[in-house]
Amino acid sequence: MRILIAVAATAMTLPALAITNIEEKRARDEEPGWHSKAELGFDAESGNNEKRNWNVGLNTSWQNDEDRFFAWGTRAYGSSNGARTDDDAFFHGRFVHHHKAAWSQEVFAQYERDPFAALVHRTLLGAGIRHQNLFSGDSRWFQGAGAFHEEVRERDSEGEYDNQLTRLNLYSHLQWQAGYGMVQTTVYVQPSIDDSDDVRALWQFAYSVPVASQAEVKWQWQSRWDTQPPEGTEYHNHQTHLKLVLRF
């Protein structure tokens, strides 16, 4: 098992119902069988303010020549001056079947909750197809298309309410070697089939550089858009993230 520990990170809080980039969770060129890694993080502040924030995540996968299963889950908790400020959970599981070298089919399920962002819970089921182009070295380009149905329970000033809708899921992911590091960029677009004015999008750019045989530094920038964001949030959100990753 490979253990991954984020020992230095800066990031803004993710909004509820945000698009999740699964490309960074896919294993690359793994041998057949099981492979897992864990991610741990903890932040603390004392003095004028007492703050505690921790998170834990597990990413696991299994594969053979034709099939692959991978899943990950995260759990986060935060408090400020003794009051709880974060208590969210997330799980995603995906099964992939490769028909040919370049084509595959996928089915997936997801669950999340973020009560401090007005999300009581959200579940979704979906499926899609995926195509890949392999270039020289580690350069690859992936395109995917599919759809998913989601059920959401949210909370506002008047209480809790349920909502159901179906979305298309369109994405493109490109990665290539640049000098000593690896560049990755991903674009997602998720329009609602039920409401053409309801569209979510994500653009993510990342650059990682190895600093030792078992360590790398990764910088990530991303922008999210939501034409119908949850009450009290903006329709766009920009983030930057920096972390040191150790594998052993």
C-alpha atoms as a PDB file:
ATOM      1  CA  MET A   1       0.000   0.000   0.000  1.00  0.00           C
ATOM      2  CA  ARG A   2       1.180   3.486  -0.762  1.00  0.00           C
ATOM      3  CA  ILE A   3       0.499   6.149   1.847  1.00  0.00           C
ATOM      4  CA  LEU A   4       0.063   9.714   0.603  1.00  0.00           C
ATOM      5  CA  ILE A   5       0.266  12.517   3.161  1.00  0.00           C
ATOM      6  CA  ALA A   6      -0.458  16.135   2.271  1.00  0.00           C
ATOM      7  CA  VAL A   7       1.862  17.968   4.633  1.00  0.00           C
ATOM      8  CA  ALA A   8       1.367  21.478   3.299  1.00  0.00           C
ATOM      9  CA  ALA A   9      -1.812  22.768   1.668  1.00  0.00           C
ATOM     10  CA  THR A  10      -3.725  25.990   1.072  1.00  0.00           C
ATOM     11  CA  ALA A  11      -7.211  25.998  -0.439  1.00  0.00           C
ATOM     12  CA  MET A  12     -10.552  27.763  -0.351  1.00  0.00           C
ATOM     13  CA  THR A  13     -13.676  25.961   0.797  1.00  0.00           C
ATOM     14  CA  LEU A  14     -15.470  24.003  -1.915  1.00  0.00           C
ATOM     15  CA  PRO A  15     -19.117  24.907  -2.545  1.00  0.00           C
ATOM     16  CA  ALA A  16     -21.802  22.272  -2.157  1.00  0.00           C
ATOM     17  CA  LEU A  17     -22.843  20.400  -5.312  1.00  0.00           C
ATOM     18  CA  ALA A  18     -19.539  21.268  -7.004  1.00  0.00           C
ATOM     19  CA  ILE A  19     -18.248  19.136  -9.869  1.00  0.00           C
ATOM     20  CA  THR A  20     -15.805  16.453  -8.753  1.00  0.00           C
ATOM     21  CA  ASN A  21     -12.788  15.848 -10.997  1.00  0.00           C
ATOM     22  CA  ILE A  22     -12.391  12.061 -11.126  1.00  0.00           C
ATOM     23  CA  GLU A  23      -9.389  12.196 -13.458  1.00  0.00           C
ATOM     24  CA  GLU A  24      -6.984  12.880 -10.600  1.00  0.00           C
ATOM     25  CA  LYS A  25      -8.287   9.756  -8.831  1.00  0.00           C
ATOM     26  CA  ARG A  26      -7.682   7.330 -11.692  1.00  0.00           C
ATOM     27  CA  ALA A  27      -4.648   5.072 -11.290  1.00  0.00           C
ATOM     28  CA  ARG A  28      -2.051   5.347 -14.054  1.00  0.00           C
ATOM     29  CA  ASP A  29      -0.224   2.314 -15.456  1.00  0.00           C
ATOM     30  CA  GLU A  30      -0.789   0.166 -12.384  1.00  0.00           C
ATOM     31  CA  GLU A  31      -0.114  -3.582 -12.334  1.00  0.00           C
ATOM     32  CA  PRO A  32      -3.173  -5.914 -12.104  1.00  0.00           C
ATOM     33  CA  GLY A  33      -4.613  -6.333  -8.619  1.00  0.00           C
ATOM     34  CA  TRP A  34      -5.382  -3.989  -5.720  1.00  0.00           C
ATOM     35  CA  HIS A  35      -3.709  -0.629  -5.138  1.00  0.00           C
ATOM     36  CA  SER A  36      -4.566   1.902  -2.416  1.00  0.00           C
ATOM     37  CA  LYS A  37      -3.412   5.184  -0.964  1.00  0.00           C
ATOM     38  CA  ALA A  38      -4.546   7.372   1.914  1.00  0.00           C
ATOM     39  CA  GLU A  39      -4.512  11.133   2.381  1.00  0.00           C
ATOM     40  CA  LEU A  40      -4.432  12.838   5.776  1.00  0.00           C
ATOM     41  CA  GLY A  41      -4.515  16.511   6.690  1.00  0.00           C
ATOM     42  CA  PHE A  42      -4.716  18.562   9.883  1.00  0.00           C
ATOM     43  CA  ASP A  43      -4.677  22.314  10.566  1.00  0.00           C
ATOM     44  CA  ALA A  44      -4.743  23.974  13.970  1.00  0.00           C
ATOM     45  CA  GLU A  45      -4.674  27.529  15.351  1.00  0.00           C
ATOM     46  CA  SER A  46      -4.503  28.773  18.933  1.00  0.00           C
ATOM     47  CA  GLY A  47      -4.303  32.163  20.623  1.00  0.00           C
ATOM     48  CA  ASN A  48      -6.940  34.731  19.720  1.00  0.00           C
ATOM     49  CA  ASN A  49      -8.885  31.964  17.947  1.00  0.00           C
ATOM     50  CA  GLU A  50      -9.009  28.243  18.610  1.00  0.00           C
ATOM     51  CA  LYS A  51      -9.451  26.385  15.313  1.00  0.00           C
ATOM     52  CA  ARG A  52      -9.158  22.708  14.405  1.00  0.00           C
ATOM     53  CA  ASN A  53      -9.603  21.206  10.943  1.00  0.00           C
ATOM     54  CA  TRP A  54      -8.851  17.638   9.896  1.00  0.00           C
ATOM     55  CA  ASN A  55      -9.627  15.479   6.907  1.00  0.00           C
ATOM     56  CA  VAL A  56      -8.940  11.901   5.867  1.00  0.00           C
ATOM     57  CA  GLY A  57      -9.363  10.248   2.482  1.00  0.00           C
ATOM     58  CA  LEU A  58      -8.887   6.780   0.988  1.00  0.00           C
ATOM     59  CA  ASN A  59      -8.449   5.979  -2.719  1.00  0.00           C
ATOM     60  CA  THR A  60      -8.464   2.295  -3.731  1.00  0.00           C
ATOM     61  CA  SER A  61      -8.564   0.487  -7.078  1.00  0.00           C
ATOM     62  CA  TRP A  62      -8.547  -2.974  -8.617  1.00  0.00           C
ATOM     63  CA  GLN A  63      -7.936  -3.913 -12.227  1.00  0.00           C
ATOM     64  CA  ASN A  64      -7.178  -6.645 -14.736  1.00  0.00           C
ATOM     65  CA  ASP A  65      -6.701  -6.534 -18.506  1.00  0.00           C
ATOM     66  CA  GLU A  66     -10.336  -5.568 -19.278  1.00  0.00           C
ATOM     67  CA  ASP A  67     -11.951  -4.207 -16.112  1.00  0.00           C
ATOM     68  CA  ARG A  68     -11.167  -1.655 -13.455  1.00  0.00           C
ATOM     69  CA  PHE A  69     -12.908  -0.619 -10.256  1.00  0.00           C
ATOM     70  CA  PHE A  70     -11.870   2.400  -8.226  1.00  0.00           C
ATOM     71  CA  ALA A  71     -13.397   4.286  -5.340  1.00  0.00           C
ATOM     72  CA  TRP A  72     -12.550   6.973  -2.871  1.00  0.00           C
ATOM     73  CA  GLY A  73     -14.076   8.452   0.216  1.00  0.00           C
ATOM     74  CA  THR A  74     -13.310  11.520   2.319  1.00  0.00           C
ATOM     75  CA  ARG A  75     -14.328  12.709   5.759  1.00  0.00           C
ATOM     76  CA  ALA A  76     -13.703  16.216   7.113  1.00  0.00           C
ATOM     77  CA  TYR A  77     -14.385  17.916  10.433  1.00  0.00           C
ATOM     78  CA  GLY A  78     -13.759  21.471  11.583  1.00  0.00           C
ATOM     79  CA  SER A  79     -14.358  23.581  14.686  1.00  0.00           C
ATOM     80  CA  SER A  80     -13.804  27.215  15.666  1.00  0.00           C
ATOM     81  CA  ASN A  81     -13.763  28.338  19.312  1.00  0.00           C
ATOM     82  CA  GLY A  82     -15.522  25.131  20.321  1.00  0.00           C
ATOM     83  CA  ALA A  83     -18.303  25.379  17.719  1.00  0.00           C
ATOM     84  CA  ARG A  84     -18.513  22.911  14.857  1.00  0.00           C
ATOM     85  CA  THR A  85     -17.922  24.574  11.462  1.00  0.00           C
ATOM     86  CA  ASP A  86     -17.507  21.599   9.105  1.00  0.00           C
ATOM     87  CA  ASP A  87     -18.799  18.028   9.089  1.00  0.00           C
ATOM     88  CA  ASP A  88     -18.921  16.643   5.555  1.00  0.00           C
ATOM     89  CA  ALA A  89     -18.544  13.233   3.923  1.00  0.00           C
ATOM     90  CA  PHE A  90     -18.054  12.069   0.326  1.00  0.00           C
ATOM     91  CA  PHE A  91     -17.936   8.702  -1.497  1.00  0.00           C
ATOM     92  CA  HIS A  92     -17.566   7.845  -5.188  1.00  0.00           C
ATOM     93  CA  GLY A  93     -17.349   4.378  -6.783  1.00  0.00           C
ATOM     94  CA  ARG A  94     -16.809   3.621 -10.481  1.00  0.00           C
ATOM     95  CA  PHE A  95     -16.583   0.467 -12.625  1.00  0.00           C
ATOM     96  CA  VAL A  96     -14.856   0.640 -16.025  1.00  0.00           C
ATOM     97  CA  HIS A  97     -14.966  -1.990 -18.786  1.00  0.00           C
ATOM     98  CA  HIS A  98     -12.552  -1.672 -21.729  1.00  0.00           C
ATOM     99  CA  HIS A  99     -13.992  -2.831 -25.055  1.00  0.00           C
ATOM    100  CA  LYS A 100     -10.955  -1.925 -27.151  1.00  0.00           C
ATOM    101  CA  ALA A 101      -7.661  -0.175 -26.605  1.00  0.00           C
ATOM    102  CA  ALA A 102      -9.220   3.267 -26.996  1.00  0.00           C
ATOM    103  CA  TRP A 103     -12.854   2.805 -25.869  1.00  0.00           C
ATOM    104  CA  SER A 104     -14.435   1.980 -22.520  1.00  0.00           C
ATOM    105  CA  GLN A 105     -17.793   2.067 -20.726  1.00  0.00           C
ATOM    106  CA  GLU A 106     -18.318   3.287 -17.169  1.00  0.00           C
ATOM    107  CA  VAL A 107     -20.995   3.186 -14.480  1.00  0.00           C
ATOM    108  CA  PHE A 108     -20.716   5.101 -11.202  1.00  0.00           C
ATOM    109  CA  ALA A 109     -22.447   6.052  -7.974  1.00  0.00           C
ATOM    110  CA  GLN A 110     -21.806   8.958  -5.594  1.00  0.00           C
ATOM    111  CA  TYR A 111     -22.944  10.178  -2.177  1.00  0.00           C
ATOM    112  CA  GLU A 112     -22.110  13.390  -0.335  1.00  0.00           C
ATOM    113  CA  ARG A 113     -23.274  15.499   2.578  1.00  0.00           C
ATOM    114  CA  ASP A 114     -22.218  18.982   3.681  1.00  0.00           C
ATOM    115  CA  PRO A 115     -24.698  20.313   6.262  1.00  0.00           C
ATOM    116  CA  PHE A 116     -22.759  23.547   6.826  1.00  0.00           C
ATOM    117  CA  ALA A 117     -23.210  24.380   3.126  1.00  0.00           C
ATOM    118  CA  ALA A 118     -26.965  23.666   3.273  1.00  0.00           C
ATOM    119  CA  LEU A 119     -26.540  20.212   1.667  1.00  0.00           C
ATOM    120  CA  VAL A 120     -28.305  17.555   3.756  1.00  0.00           C
ATOM    121  CA  HIS A 121     -27.334  14.856   1.252  1.00  0.00           C
ATOM    122  CA  ARG A 122     -26.929  14.191  -2.463  1.00  0.00           C
ATOM    123  CA  THR A 123     -26.918  10.825  -4.265  1.00  0.00           C
ATOM    124  CA  LEU A 124     -26.407  10.146  -7.951  1.00  0.00           C
ATOM    125  CA  LEU A 125     -26.179   7.237 -10.396  1.00  0.00           C
ATOM    126  CA  GLY A 126     -24.720   7.560 -13.882  1.00  0.00           C
ATOM    127  CA  ALA A 127     -23.040   5.937 -16.884  1.00  0.00           C
ATOM    128  CA  GLY A 128     -20.965   7.019 -19.866  1.00  0.00           C
ATOM    129  CA  ILE A 129     -18.404   6.209 -22.542  1.00  0.00           C
ATOM    130  CA  ARG A 130     -14.753   7.252 -22.686  1.00  0.00           C
ATOM    131  CA  HIS A 131     -12.176   7.531 -25.471  1.00  0.00           C
ATOM    132  CA  GLN A 132      -8.435   7.937 -25.126  1.00  0.00           C
ATOM    133  CA  ASN A 133      -5.639   9.073 -27.425  1.00  0.00           C
ATOM    134  CA  LEU A 134      -2.101   8.116 -26.459  1.00  0.00           C
ATOM    135  CA  PHE A 135       0.787  10.219 -27.741  1.00  0.00           C
ATOM    136  CA  SER A 136       4.518   9.900 -27.217  1.00  0.00           C
ATOM    137  CA  GLY A 137       5.795   9.394 -23.697  1.00  0.00           C
ATOM    138  CA  ASP A 138       3.251  10.244 -20.975  1.00  0.00           C
ATOM    139  CA  SER A 139       1.114  12.518 -23.169  1.00  0.00           C
ATOM    140  CA  ARG A 140      -2.556  11.466 -23.207  1.00  0.00           C
ATOM    141  CA  TRP A 141      -5.902  12.951 -24.163  1.00  0.00           C
ATOM    142  CA  PHE A 142      -9.219  11.621 -22.873  1.00  0.00           C
ATOM    143  CA  GLN A 143     -12.777  12.578 -23.818  1.00  0.00           C
ATOM    144  CA  GLY A 144     -15.925  11.369 -22.083  1.00  0.00           C
ATOM    145  CA  ALA A 145     -19.683  11.702 -22.470  1.00  0.00           C
ATOM    146  CA  GLY A 146     -22.517  10.383 -20.336  1.00  0.00           C
ATOM    147  CA  ALA A 147     -25.396  11.269 -18.046  1.00  0.00           C
ATOM    148  CA  PHE A 148     -26.418  10.893 -14.407  1.00  0.00           C
ATOM    149  CA  HIS A 149     -29.550  11.266 -12.298  1.00  0.00           C
ATOM    150  CA  GLU A 150     -29.246  12.978  -8.926  1.00  0.00           C
ATOM    151  CA  GLU A 151     -31.460  13.325  -5.875  1.00  0.00           C
ATOM    152  CA  VAL A 152     -30.692  16.257  -3.595  1.00  0.00           C
ATOM    153  CA  ARG A 153     -32.009  17.362  -0.216  1.00  0.00           C
ATOM    154  CA  GLU A 154     -31.075  20.926   0.719  1.00  0.00           C
ATOM    155  CA  ARG A 155     -31.882  23.303   3.543  1.00  0.00           C
ATOM    156  CA  ASP A 156     -32.801  26.995   3.438  1.00  0.00           C
ATOM    157  CA  SER A 157     -34.329  29.516   5.827  1.00  0.00           C
ATOM    158  CA  GLU A 158     -37.757  27.895   5.423  1.00  0.00           C
ATOM    159  CA  GLY A 159     -36.672  24.289   6.019  1.00  0.00           C
ATOM    160  CA  GLU A 160     -35.582  21.269   3.986  1.00  0.00           C
ATOM    161  CA  TYR A 161     -36.688  20.437   0.450  1.00  0.00           C
ATOM    162  CA  ASP A 162     -35.958  17.728  -2.158  1.00  0.00           C
ATOM    163  CA  ASN A 163     -35.026  18.056  -5.801  1.00  0.00           C
ATOM    164  CA  GLN A 164     -34.348  15.559  -8.614  1.00  0.00           C
ATOM    165  CA  LEU A 165     -32.846  16.154 -12.041  1.00  0.00           C
ATOM    166  CA  THR A 166     -30.798  14.528 -14.813  1.00  0.00           C
ATOM    167  CA  ARG A 167     -27.590  16.020 -16.194  1.00  0.00           C
ATOM    168  CA  LEU A 168     -25.322  15.368 -19.141  1.00  0.00           C
ATOM    169  CA  ASN A 169     -21.664  14.867 -18.217  1.00  0.00           C
ATOM    170  CA  LEU A 170     -19.129  16.020 -20.839  1.00  0.00           C
ATOM    171  CA  TYR A 171     -15.415  16.252 -20.120  1.00  0.00           C
ATOM    172  CA  SER A 172     -11.969  16.405 -21.675  1.00  0.00           C
ATOM    173  CA  HIS A 173      -8.662  15.685 -19.928  1.00  0.00           C
ATOM    174  CA  LEU A 174      -5.176  16.332 -21.338  1.00  0.00           C
ATOM    175  CA  GLN A 175      -1.824  15.553 -19.715  1.00  0.00           C
ATOM    176  CA  TRP A 176       1.732  15.882 -20.974  1.00  0.00           C
ATOM    177  CA  GLN A 177       5.317  15.980 -19.754  1.00  0.00           C
ATOM    178  CA  ALA A 178       6.718  19.508 -19.455  1.00  0.00           C
ATOM    179  CA  GLY A 179      10.361  19.620 -18.434  1.00  0.00           C
ATOM    180  CA  TYR A 180      10.788  17.783 -15.158  1.00  0.00           C
ATOM    181  CA  GLY A 181       7.087  17.982 -14.296  1.00  0.00           C
ATOM    182  CA  MET A 182       3.686  16.810 -15.456  1.00  0.00           C
ATOM    183  CA  VAL A 183       0.942  19.168 -16.685  1.00  0.00           C
ATOM    184  CA  GLN A 184      -2.734  18.178 -16.452  1.00  0.00           C
ATOM    185  CA  THR A 185      -5.788  20.172 -17.510  1.00  0.00           C
ATOM    186  CA  THR A 186      -9.429  19.092 -17.275  1.00  0.00           C
ATOM    187  CA  VAL A 187     -12.680  20.672 -18.448  1.00  0.00           C
ATOM    188  CA  TYR A 188     -16.147  19.510 -17.340  1.00  0.00           C
ATOM    189  CA  VAL A 189     -19.548  20.742 -18.554  1.00  0.00           C
ATOM    190  CA  GLN A 190     -22.740  19.423 -16.931  1.00  0.00           C
ATOM    191  CA  PRO A 191     -25.954  20.915 -18.377  1.00  0.00           C
ATOM    192  CA  SER A 192     -29.292  19.879 -16.914  1.00  0.00           C
ATOM    193  CA  ILE A 193     -31.597  17.939 -19.249  1.00  0.00           C
ATOM    194  CA  ASP A 194     -34.611  19.191 -17.288  1.00  0.00           C
ATOM    195  CA  ASP A 195     -33.648  22.888 -17.396  1.00  0.00           C
ATOM    196  CA  SER A 196     -31.487  24.289 -20.202  1.00  0.00           C
ATOM    197  CA  ASP A 197     -30.627  27.368 -18.093  1.00  0.00           C
ATOM    198  CA  ASP A 198     -29.025  25.191 -15.398  1.00  0.00           C
ATOM    199  CA  VAL A 199     -25.370  24.521 -16.302  1.00  0.00           C
ATOM    200  CA  ARG A 200     -22.306  23.688 -14.194  1.00  0.00           C
ATOM    201  CA  ALA A 201     -18.721  23.804 -15.442  1.00  0.00           C
ATOM    202  CA  LEU A 202     -15.209  23.219 -14.126  1.00  0.00           C
ATOM    203  CA  TRP A 203     -11.766  24.057 -15.503  1.00  0.00           C
ATOM    204  CA  GLN A 204      -8.792  22.660 -13.611  1.00  0.00           C
ATOM    205  CA  PHE A 205      -5.068  23.068 -14.291  1.00  0.00           C
ATOM    206  CA  ALA A 206      -2.328  21.294 -12.325  1.00  0.00           C
ATOM    207  CA  TYR A 207       1.463  21.037 -12.452  1.00  0.00           C
ATOM    208  CA  SER A 208       3.431  18.532 -10.382  1.00  0.00           C
ATOM    209  CA  VAL A 209       7.212  18.294 -10.045  1.00  0.00           C
ATOM    210  CA  PRO A 210       9.128  15.444  -8.370  1.00  0.00           C
ATOM    211  CA  VAL A 211      11.534  16.661  -5.690  1.00  0.00           C
ATOM    212  CA  ALA A 212      12.778  13.195  -4.674  1.00  0.00           C
ATOM    213  CA  SER A 213      12.198   9.576  -5.669  1.00  0.00           C
ATOM    214  CA  GLN A 214       9.129   9.349  -3.414  1.00  0.00           C
ATOM    215  CA  ALA A 215       8.046  12.988  -3.165  1.00  0.00           C
ATOM    216  CA  GLU A 216       6.542  15.674  -5.393  1.00  0.00           C
ATOM    217  CA  VAL A 217       5.179  19.194  -5.171  1.00  0.00           C
ATOM    218  CA  LYS A 218       1.828  19.833  -6.849  1.00  0.00           C
ATOM    219  CA  TRP A 219       0.223  23.187  -7.638  1.00  0.00           C
ATOM    220  CA  GLN A 220      -3.384  23.323  -8.810  1.00  0.00           C
ATOM    221  CA  TRP A 221      -5.660  26.109 -10.010  1.00  0.00           C
ATOM    222  CA  GLN A 222      -9.335  25.765 -10.863  1.00  0.00           C
ATOM    223  CA  SER A 223     -12.479  27.729 -11.671  1.00  0.00           C
ATOM    224  CA  ARG A 224     -16.066  26.563 -11.173  1.00  0.00           C
ATOM    225  CA  TRP A 225     -19.248  28.017 -12.628  1.00  0.00           C
ATOM    226  CA  ASP A 226     -22.874  27.349 -11.688  1.00  0.00           C
ATOM    227  CA  THR A 227     -25.654  29.305 -13.420  1.00  0.00           C
ATOM    228  CA  GLN A 228     -28.050  28.411 -10.588  1.00  0.00           C
ATOM    229  CA  PRO A 229     -25.876  28.278  -7.447  1.00  0.00           C
ATOM    230  CA  PRO A 230     -27.192  27.400  -3.969  1.00  0.00           C
ATOM    231  CA  GLU A 231     -28.685  30.302  -2.026  1.00  0.00           C
ATOM    232  CA  GLY A 232     -26.021  32.585  -0.567  1.00  0.00           C
ATOM    233  CA  THR A 233     -23.188  31.475  -2.908  1.00  0.00           C
ATOM    234  CA  GLU A 234     -21.631  33.022  -6.016  1.00  0.00           C
ATOM    235  CA  TYR A 235     -22.077  31.628  -9.523  1.00  0.00           C
ATOM    236  CA  HIS A 236     -18.284  31.341  -9.931  1.00  0.00           C
ATOM    237  CA  ASN A 237     -15.539  30.209  -7.582  1.00  0.00           C
ATOM    238  CA  HIS A 238     -11.761  30.322  -8.141  1.00  0.00           C
ATOM    239  CA  GLN A 239      -9.289  28.283  -6.109  1.00  0.00           C
ATOM    240  CA  THR A 240      -5.593  27.573  -5.817  1.00  0.00           C
ATOM    241  CA  HIS A 241      -4.029  24.633  -4.028  1.00  0.00           C
ATOM    242  CA  LEU A 242      -0.424  23.737  -3.167  1.00  0.00           C
ATOM    243  CA  LYS A 243       0.763  20.586  -1.429  1.00  0.00           C
ATOM    244  CA  LEU A 244       3.759  18.346  -0.832  1.00  0.00           C
ATOM    245  CA  VAL A 245       3.056  14.658  -1.420  1.00  0.00           C
ATOM    246  CA  LEU A 246       5.086  11.809   0.104  1.00  0.00           C
ATOM    247  CA  ARG A 247       4.741   8.156  -0.955  1.00  0.00           C
ATOM    248  CA  PHE A 248       6.286   5.316   1.039  1.00  0.00           C
END
